Amino acid sequence: MDADEIKRAVLRGGRVFWKNQSYEVVVDHLGQWFIKCHINDHHIGLTWQDGVTLNGKPEDFILW
């Protein structure tokens, strides 16, 4: 999945995870996209600052 596909899936109500269910793609109230770790509540940006390059391999994102 690329960044746009991930964002569309989440906005449609789907749940997208990175590698496993501990890391979920979320969007905050300001429209910022993150990968959230449910274990320690740590967040990392979904993409680099260019808004396109994912912080992970596209094939590691899973629509649940």
PDB file of N, CA and C in Angstrom:
ATOM      1  N   MET A   1       0.847  -1.182   0.000  1.00  0.00           N
ATOM      2  CA  MET A   1       0.000   0.000   0.000  1.00  0.00           C
ATOM      3  C   MET A   1       0.891   1.244   0.000  1.00  0.00           C
ATOM      4  N   ASP A   2       0.509   2.237  -0.766  1.00  0.00           N
ATOM      5  CA  ASP A   2       1.229   3.511  -0.701  1.00  0.00           C
ATOM      6  C   ASP A   2       0.501   4.444   0.270  1.00  0.00           C
ATOM      7  N   ALA A   3       1.072   5.613   0.509  1.00  0.00           N
ATOM      8  CA  ALA A   3       0.527   6.538   1.511  1.00  0.00           C
ATOM      9  C   ALA A   3      -0.917   6.931   1.205  1.00  0.00           C
ATOM     10  N   ASP A   4      -1.225   7.192  -0.053  1.00  0.00           N
ATOM     11  CA  ASP A   4      -2.591   7.593  -0.411  1.00  0.00           C
ATOM     12  C   ASP A   4      -3.583   6.458  -0.184  1.00  0.00           C
ATOM     13  N   GLU A   5      -3.203   5.230  -0.526  1.00  0.00           N
ATOM     14  CA  GLU A   5      -4.086   4.087  -0.314  1.00  0.00           C
ATOM     15  C   GLU A   5      -4.349   3.872   1.179  1.00  0.00           C
ATOM     16  N   ILE A   6      -3.312   4.025   1.984  1.00  0.00           N
ATOM     17  CA  ILE A   6      -3.449   3.871   3.429  1.00  0.00           C
ATOM     18  C   ILE A   6      -4.399   4.918   3.986  1.00  0.00           C
ATOM     19  N   LYS A   7      -4.199   6.156   3.599  1.00  0.00           N
ATOM     20  CA  LYS A   7      -5.042   7.244   4.096  1.00  0.00           C
ATOM     21  C   LYS A   7      -6.497   7.051   3.695  1.00  0.00           C
ATOM     22  N   ARG A   8      -6.744   6.670   2.448  1.00  0.00           N
ATOM     23  CA  ARG A   8      -8.121   6.440   1.990  1.00  0.00           C
ATOM     24  C   ARG A   8      -8.775   5.319   2.796  1.00  0.00           C
ATOM     25  N   ALA A   9      -8.035   4.258   3.029  1.00  0.00           N
ATOM     26  CA  ALA A   9      -8.585   3.123   3.780  1.00  0.00           C
ATOM     27  C   ALA A   9      -8.975   3.540   5.194  1.00  0.00           C
ATOM     28  N   VAL A  10      -8.123   4.306   5.858  1.00  0.00           N
ATOM     29  CA  VAL A  10      -8.413   4.756   7.225  1.00  0.00           C
ATOM     30  C   VAL A  10      -9.606   5.708   7.231  1.00  0.00           C
ATOM     31  N   LEU A  11      -9.644   6.625   6.286  1.00  0.00           N
ATOM     32  CA  LEU A  11     -10.754   7.581   6.234  1.00  0.00           C
ATOM     33  C   LEU A  11     -12.086   6.901   5.936  1.00  0.00           C
ATOM     34  N   ARG A  12     -12.058   5.747   5.263  1.00  0.00           N
ATOM     35  CA  ARG A  12     -13.281   4.979   4.992  1.00  0.00           C
ATOM     36  C   ARG A  12     -13.677   4.107   6.179  1.00  0.00           C
ATOM     37  N   GLY A  13     -12.894   4.157   7.251  1.00  0.00           N
ATOM     38  CA  GLY A  13     -13.229   3.392   8.439  1.00  0.00           C
ATOM     39  C   GLY A  13     -12.464   2.095   8.604  1.00  0.00           C
ATOM     40  N   GLY A  14     -11.541   1.825   7.675  1.00  0.00           N
ATOM     41  CA  GLY A  14     -10.727   0.625   7.793  1.00  0.00           C
ATOM     42  C   GLY A  14      -9.613   0.828   8.814  1.00  0.00           C
ATOM     43  N   ARG A  15      -9.037  -0.251   9.240  1.00  0.00           N
ATOM     44  CA  ARG A  15      -7.908  -0.180  10.169  1.00  0.00           C
ATOM     45  C   ARG A  15      -6.689  -0.693   9.420  1.00  0.00           C
ATOM     46  N   VAL A  16      -5.631   0.115   9.391  1.00  0.00           N
ATOM     47  CA  VAL A  16      -4.401  -0.254   8.707  1.00  0.00           C
ATOM     48  C   VAL A  16      -3.306  -0.390   9.751  1.00  0.00           C
ATOM     49  N   PHE A  17      -2.583  -1.487   9.674  1.00  0.00           N
ATOM     50  CA  PHE A  17      -1.508  -1.774  10.612  1.00  0.00           C
ATOM     51  C   PHE A  17      -0.196  -1.912   9.864  1.00  0.00           C
ATOM     52  N   TRP A  18       0.893  -1.649  10.580  1.00  0.00           N
ATOM     53  CA  TRP A  18       2.233  -1.836  10.037  1.00  0.00           C
ATOM     54  C   TRP A  18       2.852  -3.045  10.725  1.00  0.00           C
ATOM     55  N   LYS A  19       3.122  -4.063   9.979  1.00  0.00           N
ATOM     56  CA  LYS A  19       3.752  -5.317  10.431  1.00  0.00           C
ATOM     57  C   LYS A  19       2.870  -6.179  11.313  1.00  0.00           C
ATOM     58  N   ASN A  20       2.215  -5.628  12.334  1.00  0.00           N
ATOM     59  CA  ASN A  20       1.334  -6.410  13.207  1.00  0.00           C
ATOM     60  C   ASN A  20       0.336  -5.465  13.873  1.00  0.00           C
ATOM     61  N   GLN A  21      -0.560  -6.008  14.683  1.00  0.00           N
ATOM     62  CA  GLN A  21      -1.620  -5.194  15.268  1.00  0.00           C
ATOM     63  C   GLN A  21      -1.159  -4.278  16.390  1.00  0.00           C
ATOM     64  N   SER A  22       0.099  -4.303  16.727  1.00  0.00           N
ATOM     65  CA  SER A  22       0.625  -3.371  17.732  1.00  0.00           C
ATOM     66  C   SER A  22       0.855  -1.983  17.155  1.00  0.00           C
ATOM     67  N   TYR A  23       0.980  -1.877  15.828  1.00  0.00           N
ATOM     68  CA  TYR A  23       1.296  -0.615  15.163  1.00  0.00           C
ATOM     69  C   TYR A  23       0.172  -0.247  14.193  1.00  0.00           C
ATOM     70  N   GLU A  24      -0.612   0.753  14.573  1.00  0.00           N
ATOM     71  CA  GLU A  24      -1.778   1.139  13.776  1.00  0.00           C
ATOM     72  C   GLU A  24      -1.599   2.539  13.191  1.00  0.00           C
ATOM     73  N   VAL A  25      -2.047   2.704  11.960  1.00  0.00           N
ATOM     74  CA  VAL A  25      -2.026   4.020  11.319  1.00  0.00           C
ATOM     75  C   VAL A  25      -3.213   4.815  11.834  1.00  0.00           C
ATOM     76  N   VAL A  26      -2.938   6.030  12.325  1.00  0.00           N
ATOM     77  CA  VAL A  26      -3.984   6.898  12.872  1.00  0.00           C
ATOM     78  C   VAL A  26      -3.801   8.310  12.323  1.00  0.00           C
ATOM     79  N   VAL A  27      -4.870   9.086  12.378  1.00  0.00           N
ATOM     80  CA  VAL A  27      -4.823  10.498  12.008  1.00  0.00           C
ATOM     81  C   VAL A  27      -5.353  11.286  13.199  1.00  0.00           C
ATOM     82  N   ASP A  28      -4.685  12.396  13.530  1.00  0.00           N
ATOM     83  CA  ASP A  28      -5.130  13.185  14.677  1.00  0.00           C
ATOM     84  C   ASP A  28      -6.112  14.273  14.248  1.00  0.00           C
ATOM     85  N   HIS A  29      -6.561  15.050  15.196  1.00  0.00           N
ATOM     86  CA  HIS A  29      -7.563  16.099  14.932  1.00  0.00           C
ATOM     87  C   HIS A  29      -7.029  17.231  14.043  1.00  0.00           C
ATOM     88  N   LEU A  30      -5.705  17.296  13.861  1.00  0.00           N
ATOM     89  CA  LEU A  30      -5.112  18.306  12.986  1.00  0.00           C
ATOM     90  C   LEU A  30      -4.861  17.783  11.575  1.00  0.00           C
ATOM     91  N   GLY A  31      -5.185  16.506  11.342  1.00  0.00           N
ATOM     92  CA  GLY A  31      -4.963  15.902  10.032  1.00  0.00           C
ATOM     93  C   GLY A  31      -3.568  15.347   9.840  1.00  0.00           C
ATOM     94  N   GLN A  32      -2.832  15.171  10.935  1.00  0.00           N
ATOM     95  CA  GLN A  32      -1.485  14.613  10.870  1.00  0.00           C
ATOM     96  C   GLN A  32      -1.574  13.089  10.955  1.00  0.00           C
ATOM     97  N   TRP A  33      -0.785  12.404  10.140  1.00  0.00           N
ATOM     98  CA  TRP A  33      -0.824  10.952  10.047  1.00  0.00           C
ATOM     99  C   TRP A  33       0.344  10.334  10.794  1.00  0.00           C
ATOM    100  N   PHE A  34       0.052   9.292  11.572  1.00  0.00           N
ATOM    101  CA  PHE A  34       1.062   8.634  12.398  1.00  0.00           C
ATOM    102  C   PHE A  34       0.908   7.123  12.349  1.00  0.00           C
ATOM    103  N   ILE A  35       1.990   6.454  12.726  1.00  0.00           N
ATOM    104  CA  ILE A  35       1.947   5.041  13.077  1.00  0.00           C
ATOM    105  C   ILE A  35       2.043   5.024  14.596  1.00  0.00           C
ATOM    106  N   LYS A  36       0.998   4.514  15.231  1.00  0.00           N
ATOM    107  CA  LYS A  36       0.913   4.515  16.698  1.00  0.00           C
ATOM    108  C   LYS A  36       1.226   3.126  17.238  1.00  0.00           C
ATOM    109  N   CYS A  37       2.109   3.059  18.211  1.00  0.00           N
ATOM    110  CA  CYS A  37       2.401   1.808  18.896  1.00  0.00           C
ATOM    111  C   CYS A  37       1.442   1.681  20.072  1.00  0.00           C
ATOM    112  N   HIS A  38       0.614   0.647  20.060  1.00  0.00           N
ATOM    113  CA  HIS A  38      -0.349   0.447  21.142  1.00  0.00           C
ATOM    114  C   HIS A  38       0.312  -0.053  22.423  1.00  0.00           C
ATOM    115  N   ILE A  39       1.534  -0.532  22.339  1.00  0.00           N
ATOM    116  CA  ILE A  39       2.229  -1.054  23.516  1.00  0.00           C
ATOM    117  C   ILE A  39       2.702   0.073  24.437  1.00  0.00           C
ATOM    118  N   ASN A  40       3.296   1.128  23.847  1.00  0.00           N
ATOM    119  CA  ASN A  40       3.854   2.210  24.669  1.00  0.00           C
ATOM    120  C   ASN A  40       3.318   3.597  24.301  1.00  0.00           C
ATOM    121  N   ASP A  41       2.320   3.664  23.421  1.00  0.00           N
ATOM    122  CA  ASP A  41       1.703   4.917  22.990  1.00  0.00           C
ATOM    123  C   ASP A  41       2.672   5.851  22.259  1.00  0.00           C
ATOM    124  N   HIS A  42       3.753   5.298  21.702  1.00  0.00           N
ATOM    125  CA  HIS A  42       4.712   6.078  20.914  1.00  0.00           C
ATOM    126  C   HIS A  42       4.143   6.273  19.505  1.00  0.00           C
ATOM    127  N   HIS A  43       4.383   7.453  18.926  1.00  0.00           N
ATOM    128  CA  HIS A  43       3.926   7.763  17.573  1.00  0.00           C
ATOM    129  C   HIS A  43       5.120   8.138  16.704  1.00  0.00           C
ATOM    130  N   ILE A  44       5.073   7.727  15.436  1.00  0.00           N
ATOM    131  CA  ILE A  44       6.039   8.154  14.433  1.00  0.00           C
ATOM    132  C   ILE A  44       5.243   8.568  13.210  1.00  0.00           C
ATOM    133  N   GLY A  45       5.733   9.519  12.462  1.00  0.00           N
ATOM    134  CA  GLY A  45       5.023   9.962  11.269  1.00  0.00           C
ATOM    135  C   GLY A  45       4.810   8.824  10.287  1.00  0.00           C
ATOM    136  N   LEU A  46       3.673   8.805   9.630  1.00  0.00           N
ATOM    137  CA  LEU A  46       3.409   7.799   8.608  1.00  0.00           C
ATOM    138  C   LEU A  46       4.413   7.927   7.473  1.00  0.00           C
ATOM    139  N   THR A  47       4.766   9.166   7.138  1.00  0.00           N
ATOM    140  CA  THR A  47       5.710   9.410   6.046  1.00  0.00           C
ATOM    141  C   THR A  47       6.838  10.313   6.513  1.00  0.00           C
ATOM    142  N   TRP A  48       7.845  10.387   5.679  1.00  0.00           N
ATOM    143  CA  TRP A  48       8.902  11.376   5.894  1.00  0.00           C
ATOM    144  C   TRP A  48       8.296  12.750   5.643  1.00  0.00           C
ATOM    145  N   GLN A  49       9.077  13.795   5.807  1.00  0.00           N
ATOM    146  CA  GLN A  49       8.552  15.155   5.646  1.00  0.00           C
ATOM    147  C   GLN A  49       8.057  15.444   4.237  1.00  0.00           C
ATOM    148  N   ASP A  50       8.464  14.632   3.255  1.00  0.00           N
ATOM    149  CA  ASP A  50       7.979  14.861   1.892  1.00  0.00           C
ATOM    150  C   ASP A  50       6.511  14.476   1.726  1.00  0.00           C
ATOM    151  N   GLY A  51       5.940  13.795   2.728  1.00  0.00           N
ATOM    152  CA  GLY A  51       4.543  13.408   2.682  1.00  0.00           C
ATOM    153  C   GLY A  51       4.247  12.229   1.775  1.00  0.00           C
ATOM    154  N   VAL A  52       5.283  11.624   1.198  1.00  0.00           N
ATOM    155  CA  VAL A  52       5.102  10.526   0.250  1.00  0.00           C
ATOM    156  C   VAL A  52       5.843   9.267   0.678  1.00  0.00           C
ATOM    157  N   THR A  53       7.095   9.425   1.095  1.00  0.00           N
ATOM    158  CA  THR A  53       7.940   8.288   1.446  1.00  0.00           C
ATOM    159  C   THR A  53       7.510   7.712   2.792  1.00  0.00           C
ATOM    160  N   LEU A  54       7.042   6.480   2.783  1.00  0.00           N
ATOM    161  CA  LEU A  54       6.541   5.838   3.995  1.00  0.00           C
ATOM    162  C   LEU A  54       7.667   5.523   4.976  1.00  0.00           C
ATOM    163  N   ASN A  55       7.347   5.558   6.253  1.00  0.00           N
ATOM    164  CA  ASN A  55       8.257   5.092   7.300  1.00  0.00           C
ATOM    165  C   ASN A  55       8.063   3.585   7.463  1.00  0.00           C
ATOM    166  N   GLY A  56       8.342   2.866   6.446  1.00  0.00           N
ATOM    167  CA  GLY A  56       8.195   1.420   6.403  1.00  0.00           C
ATOM    168  C   GLY A  56       7.998   0.994   4.968  1.00  0.00           C
ATOM    169  N   LYS A  57       8.191  -0.283   4.716  1.00  0.00           N
ATOM    170  CA  LYS A  57       8.000  -0.800   3.365  1.00  0.00           C
ATOM    171  C   LYS A  57       6.510  -0.873   3.045  1.00  0.00           C
ATOM    172  N   PRO A  58       6.120  -0.475   1.840  1.00  0.00           N
ATOM    173  CA  PRO A  58       4.700  -0.500   1.477  1.00  0.00           C
ATOM    174  C   PRO A  58       4.052  -1.871   1.675  1.00  0.00           C
ATOM    175  N   GLU A  59       4.801  -2.936   1.450  1.00  0.00           N
ATOM    176  CA  GLU A  59       4.230  -4.276   1.594  1.00  0.00           C
ATOM    177  C   GLU A  59       4.015  -4.687   3.047  1.00  0.00           C
ATOM    178  N   ASP A  60       4.542  -3.908   4.003  1.00  0.00           N
ATOM    179  CA  ASP A  60       4.368  -4.213   5.428  1.00  0.00           C
ATOM    180  C   ASP A  60       3.102  -3.598   6.023  1.00  0.00           C
ATOM    181  N   PHE A  61       2.354  -2.820   5.246  1.00  0.00           N
ATOM    182  CA  PHE A  61       1.112  -2.224   5.732  1.00  0.00           C
ATOM    183  C   PHE A  61      -0.053  -3.135   5.357  1.00  0.00           C
ATOM    184  N   ILE A  62      -0.906  -3.418   6.342  1.00  0.00           N
ATOM    185  CA  ILE A  62      -1.966  -4.397   6.188  1.00  0.00           C
ATOM    186  C   ILE A  62      -3.317  -3.759   6.517  1.00  0.00           C
ATOM    187  N   LEU A  63      -4.252  -3.880   5.610  1.00  0.00           N
ATOM    188  CA  LEU A  63      -5.624  -3.410   5.861  1.00  0.00           C
ATOM    189  C   LEU A  63      -6.349  -4.500   6.630  1.00  0.00           C
ATOM    190  N   TRP A  64      -6.923  -4.120   7.766  1.00  0.00           N
ATOM    191  CA  TRP A  64      -7.604  -5.087   8.604  1.00  0.00           C
ATOM    192  C   TRP A  64      -9.084  -4.883   8.532  1.00  0.00           C
TER     193      TRP A  64
END
